[in-house]
Amino acid sequence: MSTNSGPEGLSSAFRIEPLSGANYSPWKVKIADILTSLGLEDHLASEGPKAGSDEAGLAEWRRKDQQALSHIR
């Protein structure tokens, strides 16, 4: 189970079965839904921050990328 306090300070909990070879398809859909609801969908397929991002933009992208990774784990 992953718990998160969202940008508005609201707590939300998500439960999904840990990833295994047998449950990849439903796990993929569920983790995509969770990351989308948290505003982290850009980190599912993105190669990185947009070219020309300033230091603050890069730092924000890295912070959100780490947040997405922590929900996936």
PDB file of N, CA and C in Angstrom:
ATOM      1  N   MET A   1       0.853  -1.182   0.000  1.00  0.00           N
ATOM      2  CA  MET A   1       0.000   0.000   0.000  1.00  0.00           C
ATOM      3  C   MET A   1       0.891   1.235   0.000  1.00  0.00           C
ATOM      4  N   SER A   2       0.479   2.194  -0.773  1.00  0.00           N
ATOM      5  CA  SER A   2       1.205   3.458  -0.839  1.00  0.00           C
ATOM      6  C   SER A   2       0.289   4.552  -0.323  1.00  0.00           C
ATOM      7  N   THR A   3       0.801   5.401   0.505  1.00  0.00           N
ATOM      8  CA  THR A   3       0.012   6.529   1.001  1.00  0.00           C
ATOM      9  C   THR A   3       0.666   7.804   0.543  1.00  0.00           C
ATOM     10  N   ASN A   4      -0.167   8.765   0.195  1.00  0.00           N
ATOM     11  CA  ASN A   4       0.380  10.019  -0.297  1.00  0.00           C
ATOM     12  C   ASN A   4      -0.440  11.172   0.228  1.00  0.00           C
ATOM     13  N   SER A   5       0.230  12.227   0.550  1.00  0.00           N
ATOM     14  CA  SER A   5      -0.448  13.470   0.875  1.00  0.00           C
ATOM     15  C   SER A   5      -0.330  14.347  -0.351  1.00  0.00           C
ATOM     16  N   GLY A   6      -1.451  14.592  -1.010  1.00  0.00           N
ATOM     17  CA  GLY A   6      -1.460  15.306  -2.280  1.00  0.00           C
ATOM     18  C   GLY A   6      -1.137  16.769  -2.134  1.00  0.00           C
ATOM     19  N   PRO A   7      -1.131  17.479  -3.277  1.00  0.00           N
ATOM     20  CA  PRO A   7      -0.758  18.886  -3.275  1.00  0.00           C
ATOM     21  C   PRO A   7      -1.670  19.741  -2.414  1.00  0.00           C
ATOM     22  N   GLU A   8      -2.910  19.319  -2.248  1.00  0.00           N
ATOM     23  CA  GLU A   8      -3.833  20.101  -1.421  1.00  0.00           C
ATOM     24  C   GLU A   8      -3.774  19.654   0.042  1.00  0.00           C
ATOM     25  N   GLY A   9      -2.864  18.730   0.368  1.00  0.00           N
ATOM     26  CA  GLY A   9      -2.736  18.254   1.729  1.00  0.00           C
ATOM     27  C   GLY A   9      -3.712  17.146   2.064  1.00  0.00           C
ATOM     28  N   LEU A  10      -4.455  16.658   1.073  1.00  0.00           N
ATOM     29  CA  LEU A  10      -5.399  15.581   1.305  1.00  0.00           C
ATOM     30  C   LEU A  10      -4.665  14.252   1.261  1.00  0.00           C
ATOM     31  N   SER A  11      -4.989  13.360   2.179  1.00  0.00           N
ATOM     32  CA  SER A  11      -4.383  12.037   2.164  1.00  0.00           C
ATOM     33  C   SER A  11      -5.201  11.111   1.301  1.00  0.00           C
ATOM     34  N   SER A  12      -4.519  10.284   0.552  1.00  0.00           N
ATOM     35  CA  SER A  12      -5.190   9.264  -0.232  1.00  0.00           C
ATOM     36  C   SER A  12      -4.368   7.992  -0.148  1.00  0.00           C
ATOM     37  N   ALA A  13      -5.041   6.861  -0.164  1.00  0.00           N
ATOM     38  CA  ALA A  13      -4.352   5.581  -0.090  1.00  0.00           C
ATOM     39  C   ALA A  13      -4.718   4.768  -1.322  1.00  0.00           C
ATOM     40  N   PHE A  14      -3.746   4.049  -1.831  1.00  0.00           N
ATOM     41  CA  PHE A  14      -3.937   3.212  -2.993  1.00  0.00           C
ATOM     42  C   PHE A  14      -3.451   1.813  -2.648  1.00  0.00           C
ATOM     43  N   ARG A  15      -4.227   0.820  -3.063  1.00  0.00           N
ATOM     44  CA  ARG A  15      -3.811  -0.560  -2.849  1.00  0.00           C
ATOM     45  C   ARG A  15      -3.779  -1.274  -4.185  1.00  0.00           C
ATOM     46  N   ILE A  16      -2.628  -1.831  -4.500  1.00  0.00           N
ATOM     47  CA  ILE A  16      -2.536  -2.707  -5.657  1.00  0.00           C
ATOM     48  C   ILE A  16      -1.623  -3.858  -5.278  1.00  0.00           C
ATOM     49  N   GLU A  17      -1.852  -4.978  -5.930  1.00  0.00           N
ATOM     50  CA  GLU A  17      -1.010  -6.148  -5.689  1.00  0.00           C
ATOM     51  C   GLU A  17       0.401  -5.858  -6.195  1.00  0.00           C
ATOM     52  N   PRO A  18       1.411  -6.352  -5.512  1.00  0.00           N
ATOM     53  CA  PRO A  18       2.775  -6.177  -6.019  1.00  0.00           C
ATOM     54  C   PRO A  18       2.907  -6.787  -7.417  1.00  0.00           C
ATOM     55  N   LEU A  19       3.752  -6.204  -8.215  1.00  0.00           N
ATOM     56  CA  LEU A  19       3.970  -6.658  -9.575  1.00  0.00           C
ATOM     57  C   LEU A  19       4.576  -8.054  -9.584  1.00  0.00           C
ATOM     58  N   SER A  20       3.998  -8.910 -10.409  1.00  0.00           N
ATOM     59  CA  SER A  20       4.567 -10.236 -10.665  1.00  0.00           C
ATOM     60  C   SER A  20       4.397 -10.509 -12.154  1.00  0.00           C
ATOM     61  N   GLY A  21       5.018 -11.527 -12.639  1.00  0.00           N
ATOM     62  CA  GLY A  21       4.894 -11.850 -14.050  1.00  0.00           C
ATOM     63  C   GLY A  21       3.463 -12.140 -14.471  1.00  0.00           C
ATOM     64  N   ALA A  22       2.674 -12.675 -13.555  1.00  0.00           N
ATOM     65  CA  ALA A  22       1.307 -13.075 -13.879  1.00  0.00           C
ATOM     66  C   ALA A  22       0.317 -11.912 -13.876  1.00  0.00           C
ATOM     67  N   ASN A  23       0.645 -10.803 -13.226  1.00  0.00           N
ATOM     68  CA  ASN A  23      -0.337  -9.716 -13.090  1.00  0.00           C
ATOM     69  C   ASN A  23       0.101  -8.413 -13.757  1.00  0.00           C
ATOM     70  N   TYR A  24       1.014  -8.486 -14.709  1.00  0.00           N
ATOM     71  CA  TYR A  24       1.544  -7.261 -15.301  1.00  0.00           C
ATOM     72  C   TYR A  24       0.466  -6.381 -15.920  1.00  0.00           C
ATOM     73  N   SER A  25      -0.428  -6.956 -16.722  1.00  0.00           N
ATOM     74  CA  SER A  25      -1.431  -6.142 -17.428  1.00  0.00           C
ATOM     75  C   SER A  25      -2.326  -5.348 -16.471  1.00  0.00           C
ATOM     76  N   PRO A  26      -2.949  -5.983 -15.466  1.00  0.00           N
ATOM     77  CA  PRO A  26      -3.781  -5.180 -14.552  1.00  0.00           C
ATOM     78  C   PRO A  26      -2.946  -4.234 -13.686  1.00  0.00           C
ATOM     79  N   TRP A  27      -1.730  -4.650 -13.315  1.00  0.00           N
ATOM     80  CA  TRP A  27      -0.855  -3.793 -12.512  1.00  0.00           C
ATOM     81  C   TRP A  27      -0.515  -2.531 -13.283  1.00  0.00           C
ATOM     82  N   LYS A  28      -0.194  -2.681 -14.573  1.00  0.00           N
ATOM     83  CA  LYS A  28       0.174  -1.545 -15.416  1.00  0.00           C
ATOM     84  C   LYS A  28      -0.959  -0.518 -15.481  1.00  0.00           C
ATOM     85  N   VAL A  29      -2.181  -0.987 -15.661  1.00  0.00           N
ATOM     86  CA  VAL A  29      -3.336  -0.086 -15.718  1.00  0.00           C
ATOM     87  C   VAL A  29      -3.526   0.626 -14.386  1.00  0.00           C
ATOM     88  N   LYS A  30      -3.426  -0.122 -13.296  1.00  0.00           N
ATOM     89  CA  LYS A  30      -3.641   0.466 -11.964  1.00  0.00           C
ATOM     90  C   LYS A  30      -2.563   1.485 -11.611  1.00  0.00           C
ATOM     91  N   ILE A  31      -1.301   1.181 -11.895  1.00  0.00           N
ATOM     92  CA  ILE A  31      -0.235   2.129 -11.554  1.00  0.00           C
ATOM     93  C   ILE A  31      -0.346   3.370 -12.425  1.00  0.00           C
ATOM     94  N   ALA A  32      -0.762   3.212 -13.670  1.00  0.00           N
ATOM     95  CA  ALA A  32      -0.972   4.373 -14.538  1.00  0.00           C
ATOM     96  C   ALA A  32      -2.101   5.242 -13.987  1.00  0.00           C
ATOM     97  N   ASP A  33      -3.182   4.624 -13.515  1.00  0.00           N
ATOM     98  CA  ASP A  33      -4.289   5.384 -12.918  1.00  0.00           C
ATOM     99  C   ASP A  33      -3.838   6.139 -11.674  1.00  0.00           C
ATOM    100  N   ILE A  34      -3.049   5.482 -10.836  1.00  0.00           N
ATOM    101  CA  ILE A  34      -2.564   6.121  -9.608  1.00  0.00           C
ATOM    102  C   ILE A  34      -1.674   7.314  -9.945  1.00  0.00           C
ATOM    103  N   LEU A  35      -0.703   7.110 -10.819  1.00  0.00           N
ATOM    104  CA  LEU A  35       0.210   8.204 -11.164  1.00  0.00           C
ATOM    105  C   LEU A  35      -0.525   9.344 -11.854  1.00  0.00           C
ATOM    106  N   THR A  36      -1.518   9.030 -12.668  1.00  0.00           N
ATOM    107  CA  THR A  36      -2.323  10.069 -13.311  1.00  0.00           C
ATOM    108  C   THR A  36      -3.096  10.866 -12.275  1.00  0.00           C
ATOM    109  N   SER A  37      -3.692  10.179 -11.300  1.00  0.00           N
ATOM    110  CA  SER A  37      -4.456  10.889 -10.274  1.00  0.00           C
ATOM    111  C   SER A  37      -3.567  11.784  -9.421  1.00  0.00           C
ATOM    112  N   LEU A  38      -2.280  11.480  -9.369  1.00  0.00           N
ATOM    113  CA  LEU A  38      -1.322  12.282  -8.610  1.00  0.00           C
ATOM    114  C   LEU A  38      -0.634  13.342  -9.478  1.00  0.00           C
ATOM    115  N   GLY A  39      -1.020  13.410 -10.753  1.00  0.00           N
ATOM    116  CA  GLY A  39      -0.421  14.394 -11.652  1.00  0.00           C
ATOM    117  C   GLY A  39       0.982  14.024 -12.100  1.00  0.00           C
ATOM    118  N   LEU A  40       1.306  12.735 -12.081  1.00  0.00           N
ATOM    119  CA  LEU A  40       2.652  12.283 -12.422  1.00  0.00           C
ATOM    120  C   LEU A  40       2.691  11.471 -13.713  1.00  0.00           C
ATOM    121  N   GLU A  41       1.636  11.556 -14.526  1.00  0.00           N
ATOM    122  CA  GLU A  41       1.550  10.744 -15.740  1.00  0.00           C
ATOM    123  C   GLU A  41       2.674  11.035 -16.729  1.00  0.00           C
ATOM    124  N   ASP A  42       3.240  12.226 -16.709  1.00  0.00           N
ATOM    125  CA  ASP A  42       4.344  12.551 -17.617  1.00  0.00           C
ATOM    126  C   ASP A  42       5.580  11.705 -17.339  1.00  0.00           C
ATOM    127  N   HIS A  43       5.649  11.116 -16.171  1.00  0.00           N
ATOM    128  CA  HIS A  43       6.832  10.348 -15.789  1.00  0.00           C
ATOM    129  C   HIS A  43       6.707   8.874 -16.128  1.00  0.00           C
ATOM    130  N   LEU A  44       5.594   8.477 -16.728  1.00  0.00           N
ATOM    131  CA  LEU A  44       5.427   7.087 -17.144  1.00  0.00           C
ATOM    132  C   LEU A  44       6.247   6.769 -18.387  1.00  0.00           C
ATOM    133  N   ALA A  45       6.239   7.649 -19.362  1.00  0.00           N
ATOM    134  CA  ALA A  45       6.909   7.371 -20.631  1.00  0.00           C
ATOM    135  C   ALA A  45       7.927   8.435 -21.004  1.00  0.00           C
ATOM    136  N   SER A  46       8.024   9.478 -20.217  1.00  0.00           N
ATOM    137  CA  SER A  46       8.902  10.589 -20.546  1.00  0.00           C
ATOM    138  C   SER A  46      10.371  10.201 -20.404  1.00  0.00           C
ATOM    139  N   GLU A  47      11.162  10.700 -21.303  1.00  0.00           N
ATOM    140  CA  GLU A  47      12.602  10.478 -21.250  1.00  0.00           C
ATOM    141  C   GLU A  47      13.287  11.469 -20.313  1.00  0.00           C
ATOM    142  N   GLY A  48      12.597  12.497 -19.932  1.00  0.00           N
ATOM    143  CA  GLY A  48      13.195  13.496 -19.066  1.00  0.00           C
ATOM    144  C   GLY A  48      12.546  14.842 -19.266  1.00  0.00           C
ATOM    145  N   PRO A  49      13.082  15.848 -18.607  1.00  0.00           N
ATOM    146  CA  PRO A  49      12.508  17.187 -18.744  1.00  0.00           C
ATOM    147  C   PRO A  49      12.683  17.717 -20.161  1.00  0.00           C
ATOM    148  N   LYS A  50      11.851  18.654 -20.514  1.00  0.00           N
ATOM    149  CA  LYS A  50      11.907  19.261 -21.850  1.00  0.00           C
ATOM    150  C   LYS A  50      13.231  19.991 -22.048  1.00  0.00           C
ATOM    151  N   ALA A  51      13.716  19.953 -23.271  1.00  0.00           N
ATOM    152  CA  ALA A  51      14.954  20.662 -23.612  1.00  0.00           C
ATOM    153  C   ALA A  51      14.779  22.143 -23.307  1.00  0.00           C
ATOM    154  N   GLY A  52      15.791  22.739 -22.766  1.00  0.00           N
ATOM    155  CA  GLY A  52      15.750  24.158 -22.459  1.00  0.00           C
ATOM    156  C   GLY A  52      15.173  24.477 -21.088  1.00  0.00           C
ATOM    157  N   SER A  53      14.867  23.444 -20.295  1.00  0.00           N
ATOM    158  CA  SER A  53      14.338  23.694 -18.949  1.00  0.00           C
ATOM    159  C   SER A  53      15.393  24.383 -18.103  1.00  0.00           C
ATOM    160  N   ASP A  54      14.948  25.322 -17.277  1.00  0.00           N
ATOM    161  CA  ASP A  54      15.889  25.987 -16.385  1.00  0.00           C
ATOM    162  C   ASP A  54      16.165  25.099 -15.169  1.00  0.00           C
ATOM    163  N   GLU A  55      17.053  25.533 -14.298  1.00  0.00           N
ATOM    164  CA  GLU A  55      17.432  24.730 -13.128  1.00  0.00           C
ATOM    165  C   GLU A  55      16.241  24.408 -12.241  1.00  0.00           C
ATOM    166  N   ALA A  56      15.344  25.364 -12.050  1.00  0.00           N
ATOM    167  CA  ALA A  56      14.162  25.136 -11.217  1.00  0.00           C
ATOM    168  C   ALA A  56      13.255  24.092 -11.873  1.00  0.00           C
ATOM    169  N   GLY A  57      13.113  24.163 -13.192  1.00  0.00           N
ATOM    170  CA  GLY A  57      12.307  23.182 -13.915  1.00  0.00           C
ATOM    171  C   GLY A  57      12.895  21.787 -13.835  1.00  0.00           C
ATOM    172  N   LEU A  58      14.219  21.706 -13.946  1.00  0.00           N
ATOM    173  CA  LEU A  58      14.896  20.416 -13.826  1.00  0.00           C
ATOM    174  C   LEU A  58      14.732  19.838 -12.428  1.00  0.00           C
ATOM    175  N   ALA A  59      14.878  20.671 -11.420  1.00  0.00           N
ATOM    176  CA  ALA A  59      14.734  20.216 -10.033  1.00  0.00           C
ATOM    177  C   ALA A  59      13.315  19.720  -9.770  1.00  0.00           C
ATOM    178  N   GLU A  60      12.324  20.422 -10.295  1.00  0.00           N
ATOM    179  CA  GLU A  60      10.930  20.014 -10.115  1.00  0.00           C
ATOM    180  C   GLU A  60      10.663  18.696 -10.829  1.00  0.00           C
ATOM    181  N   TRP A  61      11.191  18.544 -12.044  1.00  0.00           N
ATOM    182  CA  TRP A  61      10.993  17.300 -12.777  1.00  0.00           C
ATOM    183  C   TRP A  61      11.632  16.138 -12.017  1.00  0.00           C
ATOM    184  N   ARG A  62      12.835  16.334 -11.508  1.00  0.00           N
ATOM    185  CA  ARG A  62      13.515  15.273 -10.754  1.00  0.00           C
ATOM    186  C   ARG A  62      12.749  14.910  -9.481  1.00  0.00           C
ATOM    187  N   ARG A  63      12.201  15.911  -8.806  1.00  0.00           N
ATOM    188  CA  ARG A  63      11.426  15.664  -7.585  1.00  0.00           C
ATOM    189  C   ARG A  63      10.192  14.822  -7.909  1.00  0.00           C
ATOM    190  N   LYS A  64       9.471  15.203  -8.961  1.00  0.00           N
ATOM    191  CA  LYS A  64       8.274  14.457  -9.345  1.00  0.00           C
ATOM    192  C   LYS A  64       8.622  13.069  -9.881  1.00  0.00           C
ATOM    193  N   ASP A  65       9.744  12.944 -10.574  1.00  0.00           N
ATOM    194  CA  ASP A  65      10.176  11.639 -11.064  1.00  0.00           C
ATOM    195  C   ASP A  65      10.453  10.710  -9.892  1.00  0.00           C
ATOM    196  N   GLN A  66      11.099  11.223  -8.860  1.00  0.00           N
ATOM    197  CA  GLN A  66      11.380  10.415  -7.664  1.00  0.00           C
ATOM    198  C   GLN A  66      10.081  10.043  -6.952  1.00  0.00           C
ATOM    199  N   GLN A  67       9.136  10.970  -6.918  1.00  0.00           N
ATOM    200  CA  GLN A  67       7.833  10.695  -6.313  1.00  0.00           C
ATOM    201  C   GLN A  67       7.115   9.579  -7.063  1.00  0.00           C
ATOM    202  N   ALA A  68       7.141   9.624  -8.392  1.00  0.00           N
ATOM    203  CA  ALA A  68       6.519   8.568  -9.202  1.00  0.00           C
ATOM    204  C   ALA A  68       7.190   7.228  -8.925  1.00  0.00           C
ATOM    205  N   LEU A  69       8.504   7.212  -8.883  1.00  0.00           N
ATOM    206  CA  LEU A  69       9.237   5.979  -8.604  1.00  0.00           C
ATOM    207  C   LEU A  69       8.883   5.408  -7.246  1.00  0.00           C
ATOM    208  N   SER A  70       8.727   6.251  -6.257  1.00  0.00           N
ATOM    209  CA  SER A  70       8.397   5.761  -4.911  1.00  0.00           C
ATOM    210  C   SER A  70       7.012   5.122  -4.886  1.00  0.00           C
ATOM    211  N   HIS A  71       6.089   5.591  -5.711  1.00  0.00           N
ATOM    212  CA  HIS A  71       4.757   4.971  -5.779  1.00  0.00           C
ATOM    213  C   HIS A  71       4.808   3.652  -6.534  1.00  0.00           C
ATOM    214  N   ILE A  72       5.687   3.544  -7.513  1.00  0.00           N
ATOM    215  CA  ILE A  72       5.812   2.316  -8.271  1.00  0.00           C
ATOM    216  C   ILE A  72       6.437   1.221  -7.413  1.00  0.00           C
ATOM    217  N   ARG A  73       7.391   1.581  -6.589  1.00  0.00           N
ATOM    218  CA  ARG A  73       8.043   0.597  -5.713  1.00  0.00           C
ATOM    219  C   ARG A  73       7.079   0.138  -4.661  1.00  0.00           C
TER     220      ARG A  73
END
